[in-house]
N, C-alpha and C. Protein backbone atom coordinates (compact mmCIF):
# COMPACT_ATOMS: atom_id res chain seq x y z
N MET A 1 102.38 113.70 59.96
CA MET A 1 101.11 113.36 60.58
C MET A 1 100.51 114.60 61.24
N ASP A 2 99.22 114.70 61.15
CA ASP A 2 98.55 115.77 61.88
C ASP A 2 98.27 115.27 63.30
N THR A 3 97.66 116.12 64.11
CA THR A 3 97.42 115.77 65.52
C THR A 3 96.57 114.52 65.66
N LYS A 4 95.51 114.43 64.86
CA LYS A 4 94.63 113.26 64.96
C LYS A 4 95.37 111.97 64.59
N ALA A 5 96.16 112.02 63.53
CA ALA A 5 96.91 110.83 63.11
C ALA A 5 97.92 110.42 64.18
N LEU A 6 98.56 111.40 64.80
CA LEU A 6 99.52 111.09 65.87
C LEU A 6 98.81 110.44 67.06
N GLN A 7 97.64 110.98 67.42
CA GLN A 7 96.88 110.40 68.53
C GLN A 7 96.47 108.97 68.22
N THR A 8 96.02 108.74 67.01
CA THR A 8 95.61 107.39 66.60
C THR A 8 96.81 106.44 66.65
N ALA A 9 97.94 106.90 66.15
CA ALA A 9 99.14 106.07 66.17
C ALA A 9 99.56 105.75 67.61
N PHE A 10 99.48 106.75 68.48
CA PHE A 10 99.86 106.55 69.87
C PHE A 10 98.93 105.52 70.53
N GLN A 11 97.64 105.63 70.26
CA GLN A 11 96.67 104.71 70.85
C GLN A 11 96.83 103.29 70.31
N ALA A 12 97.35 103.16 69.12
CA ALA A 12 97.53 101.85 68.51
C ALA A 12 98.93 101.28 68.74
N ALA A 13 99.71 101.97 69.57
CA ALA A 13 101.09 101.52 69.82
C ALA A 13 101.10 100.09 70.33
N GLN A 14 102.12 99.38 69.94
CA GLN A 14 102.28 98.00 70.38
C GLN A 14 103.75 97.72 70.65
N GLN A 15 103.99 96.82 71.56
CA GLN A 15 105.36 96.46 71.85
C GLN A 15 105.92 95.59 70.74
N ILE A 16 107.20 95.75 70.53
CA ILE A 16 107.87 94.91 69.53
C ILE A 16 108.56 93.79 70.29
N ASP A 17 108.18 92.56 69.98
CA ASP A 17 108.77 91.43 70.69
C ASP A 17 110.16 91.11 70.11
N GLN A 18 110.83 90.21 70.74
CA GLN A 18 112.21 89.87 70.37
C GLN A 18 112.32 89.37 68.93
N ALA A 19 111.37 88.54 68.49
CA ALA A 19 111.41 88.00 67.13
C ALA A 19 111.23 89.11 66.10
N ASP A 20 110.26 90.01 66.35
CA ASP A 20 110.05 91.14 65.43
C ASP A 20 111.27 92.07 65.43
N ARG A 21 111.83 92.30 66.60
CA ARG A 21 113.01 93.17 66.70
C ARG A 21 114.16 92.63 65.86
N ALA A 22 114.35 91.34 65.89
CA ALA A 22 115.42 90.72 65.10
C ALA A 22 115.18 90.95 63.61
N LEU A 23 113.93 90.86 63.18
CA LEU A 23 113.60 91.10 61.76
C LEU A 23 113.83 92.57 61.40
N TRP A 24 113.38 93.47 62.28
CA TRP A 24 113.59 94.90 62.03
C TRP A 24 115.08 95.22 61.92
N GLN A 25 115.88 94.64 62.79
CA GLN A 25 117.32 94.90 62.77
C GLN A 25 117.97 94.39 61.49
N GLU A 26 117.40 93.38 60.92
CA GLU A 26 117.95 92.82 59.69
C GLU A 26 117.65 93.71 58.47
N LEU A 27 116.59 94.49 58.54
CA LEU A 27 116.17 95.28 57.38
C LEU A 27 117.18 96.34 56.95
N TRP A 28 117.78 97.06 57.90
CA TRP A 28 118.67 98.17 57.52
C TRP A 28 119.87 97.69 56.68
N PRO A 29 120.62 96.69 57.11
CA PRO A 29 121.73 96.25 56.26
C PRO A 29 121.25 95.70 54.91
N LEU A 30 120.08 95.11 54.89
CA LEU A 30 119.53 94.63 53.61
C LEU A 30 119.19 95.81 52.70
N TYR A 31 118.65 96.87 53.28
CA TYR A 31 118.36 98.08 52.52
C TYR A 31 119.66 98.67 51.96
N GLN A 32 120.67 98.74 52.80
CA GLN A 32 121.96 99.28 52.36
C GLN A 32 122.56 98.45 51.23
N GLY A 33 122.36 97.15 51.27
CA GLY A 33 122.90 96.26 50.24
C GLY A 33 121.94 96.02 49.09
N MET A 34 120.79 96.70 49.13
CA MET A 34 119.76 96.57 48.08
C MET A 34 119.37 95.10 47.84
N GLU A 35 119.23 94.36 48.92
CA GLU A 35 118.83 92.96 48.85
C GLU A 35 117.30 92.89 48.94
N MET A 36 116.65 93.26 47.85
CA MET A 36 115.21 93.43 47.82
C MET A 36 114.44 92.13 48.09
N GLU A 37 114.92 91.03 47.58
CA GLU A 37 114.18 89.78 47.76
C GLU A 37 114.08 89.42 49.24
N ARG A 38 115.18 89.53 49.96
CA ARG A 38 115.16 89.21 51.40
C ARG A 38 114.33 90.25 52.16
N MET A 39 114.40 91.52 51.74
CA MET A 39 113.58 92.56 52.38
C MET A 39 112.10 92.24 52.21
N GLU A 40 111.71 91.80 51.02
CA GLU A 40 110.31 91.46 50.77
C GLU A 40 109.88 90.28 51.63
N THR A 41 110.76 89.31 51.81
CA THR A 41 110.44 88.17 52.67
C THR A 41 110.19 88.63 54.10
N ILE A 42 111.06 89.50 54.59
CA ILE A 42 110.88 90.01 55.96
C ILE A 42 109.60 90.84 56.04
N GLY A 43 109.35 91.64 55.02
CA GLY A 43 108.13 92.44 55.00
C GLY A 43 106.88 91.58 55.13
N HIS A 44 106.88 90.46 54.45
CA HIS A 44 105.73 89.55 54.55
C HIS A 44 105.64 88.93 55.95
N GLN A 45 106.78 88.67 56.57
CA GLN A 45 106.77 88.11 57.93
C GLN A 45 106.23 89.13 58.94
N LEU A 46 106.48 90.41 58.69
CA LEU A 46 106.03 91.46 59.60
C LEU A 46 104.63 91.98 59.26
N GLN A 47 104.10 91.58 58.13
CA GLN A 47 102.87 92.14 57.57
C GLN A 47 101.69 92.14 58.54
N SER A 48 101.48 91.06 59.27
CA SER A 48 100.28 90.97 60.12
C SER A 48 100.29 92.01 61.24
N ARG A 49 101.44 92.29 61.79
CA ARG A 49 101.51 93.27 62.89
C ARG A 49 101.88 94.67 62.41
N PHE A 50 102.57 94.76 61.30
CA PHE A 50 103.04 96.05 60.78
C PHE A 50 102.73 96.12 59.28
N PRO A 51 101.47 96.37 58.93
CA PRO A 51 101.06 96.27 57.52
C PRO A 51 101.73 97.29 56.60
N PHE A 52 102.28 98.36 57.14
CA PHE A 52 102.93 99.38 56.31
C PHE A 52 104.28 98.94 55.77
N VAL A 53 104.90 97.94 56.38
CA VAL A 53 106.26 97.55 56.01
C VAL A 53 106.34 97.03 54.58
N ALA A 54 105.45 96.14 54.22
CA ALA A 54 105.49 95.57 52.87
C ALA A 54 105.27 96.67 51.82
N THR A 55 104.40 97.62 52.12
CA THR A 55 104.14 98.73 51.20
C THR A 55 105.39 99.58 51.02
N ALA A 56 106.09 99.85 52.11
CA ALA A 56 107.32 100.65 52.04
C ALA A 56 108.41 99.91 51.28
N ILE A 57 108.52 98.63 51.49
CA ILE A 57 109.52 97.83 50.78
C ILE A 57 109.20 97.79 49.29
N GLN A 58 107.93 97.65 48.96
CA GLN A 58 107.52 97.66 47.56
C GLN A 58 107.84 99.01 46.91
N ALA A 59 107.59 100.09 47.63
CA ALA A 59 107.91 101.43 47.11
C ALA A 59 109.41 101.56 46.86
N GLN A 60 110.21 101.02 47.76
CA GLN A 60 111.67 101.06 47.57
C GLN A 60 112.07 100.27 46.33
N ALA A 61 111.48 99.11 46.14
CA ALA A 61 111.79 98.31 44.96
C ALA A 61 111.43 99.06 43.69
N GLU A 62 110.30 99.76 43.72
CA GLU A 62 109.85 100.52 42.55
C GLU A 62 110.64 101.80 42.35
N ARG A 63 111.35 102.23 43.36
CA ARG A 63 112.17 103.44 43.27
C ARG A 63 113.37 103.23 42.35
N LEU A 64 113.81 102.02 42.25
CA LEU A 64 115.03 101.70 41.51
C LEU A 64 114.74 101.51 40.03
N PRO A 65 115.65 101.99 39.17
CA PRO A 65 115.48 101.70 37.74
C PRO A 65 115.48 100.19 37.53
N ASN A 66 114.68 99.75 36.53
CA ASN A 66 114.56 98.32 36.30
C ASN A 66 114.28 98.07 34.82
N GLN A 67 115.04 97.20 34.24
CA GLN A 67 114.86 96.78 32.85
C GLN A 67 114.77 97.97 31.90
N GLY A 68 115.68 98.92 32.07
CA GLY A 68 115.74 100.07 31.18
C GLY A 68 114.72 101.16 31.47
N LYS A 69 113.87 100.95 32.46
CA LYS A 69 112.88 101.96 32.83
C LYS A 69 113.36 102.73 34.04
N GLU A 70 113.03 104.01 34.07
CA GLU A 70 113.35 104.82 35.24
C GLU A 70 112.56 104.32 36.45
N GLY A 71 113.04 104.66 37.62
CA GLY A 71 112.32 104.30 38.84
C GLY A 71 111.03 105.09 38.97
N ARG A 72 110.20 104.65 39.88
CA ARG A 72 108.87 105.25 40.07
C ARG A 72 108.91 106.76 40.35
N PRO A 73 109.78 107.27 41.23
CA PRO A 73 109.79 108.72 41.44
C PRO A 73 110.08 109.51 40.16
N THR A 74 111.01 109.04 39.38
CA THR A 74 111.34 109.71 38.12
C THR A 74 110.18 109.64 37.15
N GLN A 75 109.57 108.47 37.04
CA GLN A 75 108.42 108.33 36.15
C GLN A 75 107.28 109.25 36.58
N THR A 76 107.07 109.36 37.89
CA THR A 76 106.02 110.23 38.39
C THR A 76 106.32 111.69 38.07
N LEU A 77 107.56 112.11 38.25
CA LEU A 77 107.92 113.49 37.91
C LEU A 77 107.69 113.78 36.44
N LEU A 78 108.09 112.87 35.58
CA LEU A 78 107.87 113.05 34.15
C LEU A 78 106.37 113.16 33.84
N GLN A 79 105.58 112.33 34.46
CA GLN A 79 104.13 112.36 34.26
C GLN A 79 103.54 113.69 34.74
N ILE A 80 103.98 114.15 35.90
CA ILE A 80 103.49 115.40 36.45
C ILE A 80 103.83 116.57 35.53
N MET A 81 105.07 116.63 35.07
CA MET A 81 105.48 117.71 34.18
C MET A 81 104.66 117.69 32.89
N ASP A 82 104.38 116.50 32.40
CA ASP A 82 103.59 116.38 31.19
C ASP A 82 102.14 116.84 31.44
N GLU A 83 101.58 116.40 32.54
CA GLU A 83 100.19 116.77 32.86
C GLU A 83 100.04 118.27 33.12
N LEU A 84 100.99 118.84 33.88
CA LEU A 84 100.91 120.26 34.23
C LEU A 84 101.47 121.17 33.15
N LYS A 85 102.15 120.57 32.18
CA LYS A 85 102.79 121.33 31.10
C LYS A 85 103.75 122.38 31.65
N THR A 86 104.51 121.99 32.67
CA THR A 86 105.50 122.89 33.26
C THR A 86 106.61 122.09 33.91
N GLN A 87 107.76 122.77 34.03
CA GLN A 87 108.88 122.24 34.79
C GLN A 87 109.13 123.08 36.04
N ASP A 88 108.24 124.04 36.29
CA ASP A 88 108.38 124.91 37.45
C ASP A 88 108.34 124.08 38.73
N PHE A 89 109.31 124.33 39.58
CA PHE A 89 109.48 123.49 40.75
C PHE A 89 108.28 123.48 41.69
N GLY A 90 107.72 124.63 42.00
CA GLY A 90 106.63 124.72 42.98
C GLY A 90 105.47 123.79 42.70
N PRO A 91 104.82 123.94 41.55
CA PRO A 91 103.68 123.07 41.28
C PRO A 91 104.07 121.60 41.09
N VAL A 92 105.24 121.36 40.52
CA VAL A 92 105.69 119.98 40.32
C VAL A 92 105.95 119.33 41.68
N PHE A 93 106.62 120.06 42.57
CA PHE A 93 106.92 119.53 43.90
C PHE A 93 105.63 119.23 44.67
N SER A 94 104.68 120.15 44.63
CA SER A 94 103.41 119.93 45.34
C SER A 94 102.70 118.68 44.85
N ALA A 95 102.63 118.54 43.54
CA ALA A 95 101.96 117.37 42.97
C ALA A 95 102.71 116.08 43.33
N PHE A 96 104.05 116.15 43.29
CA PHE A 96 104.84 114.97 43.63
C PHE A 96 104.59 114.55 45.08
N CYS A 97 104.58 115.50 45.99
CA CYS A 97 104.37 115.18 47.40
C CYS A 97 102.99 114.56 47.63
N GLU A 98 102.00 115.01 46.89
CA GLU A 98 100.66 114.43 47.02
C GLU A 98 100.64 112.99 46.53
N ARG A 99 101.29 112.74 45.41
CA ARG A 99 101.22 111.41 44.79
C ARG A 99 102.18 110.40 45.39
N GLU A 100 103.32 110.87 45.83
CA GLU A 100 104.38 109.95 46.27
C GLU A 100 104.83 110.22 47.70
N SER A 101 103.88 110.48 48.58
CA SER A 101 104.22 110.76 49.98
C SER A 101 104.93 109.59 50.65
N ILE A 102 104.78 108.38 50.11
CA ILE A 102 105.43 107.21 50.69
C ILE A 102 106.94 107.38 50.77
N TYR A 103 107.50 108.17 49.84
CA TYR A 103 108.95 108.34 49.82
C TYR A 103 109.44 109.38 50.84
N GLY A 104 108.61 110.28 51.24
CA GLY A 104 109.02 111.28 52.21
C GLY A 104 110.12 112.20 51.68
N PHE A 105 110.17 112.37 50.37
CA PHE A 105 111.20 113.22 49.78
C PHE A 105 110.97 114.67 50.18
N GLY A 106 112.05 115.35 50.52
CA GLY A 106 112.00 116.77 50.79
C GLY A 106 112.23 117.56 49.52
N ASP A 107 112.17 118.87 49.65
CA ASP A 107 112.30 119.72 48.48
C ASP A 107 113.63 119.55 47.76
N LEU A 108 114.71 119.41 48.50
CA LEU A 108 116.02 119.28 47.85
C LEU A 108 116.15 117.97 47.08
N GLN A 109 115.59 116.90 47.62
CA GLN A 109 115.65 115.62 46.91
C GLN A 109 114.88 115.69 45.59
N VAL A 110 113.71 116.28 45.64
CA VAL A 110 112.90 116.39 44.42
C VAL A 110 113.57 117.36 43.45
N LYS A 111 114.13 118.44 43.97
CA LYS A 111 114.79 119.41 43.11
C LYS A 111 115.97 118.77 42.37
N ARG A 112 116.76 117.97 43.07
CA ARG A 112 117.88 117.28 42.43
C ARG A 112 117.40 116.32 41.34
N LEU A 113 116.37 115.58 41.65
CA LEU A 113 115.82 114.64 40.69
C LEU A 113 115.26 115.38 39.47
N LEU A 114 114.56 116.46 39.74
CA LEU A 114 114.01 117.28 38.66
C LEU A 114 115.12 117.86 37.79
N LYS A 115 116.20 118.27 38.43
CA LYS A 115 117.33 118.85 37.70
C LYS A 115 117.93 117.83 36.72
N THR A 116 118.01 116.57 37.13
CA THR A 116 118.57 115.55 36.23
C THR A 116 117.66 115.32 35.02
N LEU A 117 116.39 115.63 35.17
CA LEU A 117 115.44 115.42 34.07
C LEU A 117 115.37 116.61 33.11
N THR A 118 115.73 117.78 33.62
CA THR A 118 115.55 118.99 32.80
C THR A 118 116.85 119.54 32.25
N GLU A 119 117.96 118.93 32.55
CA GLU A 119 119.24 119.42 32.01
C GLU A 119 119.58 118.74 30.71
């Protein structure tokens, strides 16, 4: 976040009540166990007060390979390499960060993923 985004987030801060806290606490073990259906249910319960949660849960679901297809980050990397006609890390990483900022992947994570695609 830049300074303006941080200020906006600070001004929009809200307390988390006991019911919301219980739902938030349930998410981490569900994430660890890849229990996506229950995570999506919780995301919908939190949606009105925390609209970003459902989007993040959806991104996590799309991150995973499904029905023989690579996950979304891998598909995006393949698309970027095809569009840019390069496997060079710098431009591929920059494009990936622009398109898939929801994942918050750092350079090493993208580099590892890229390495699995180019070996």
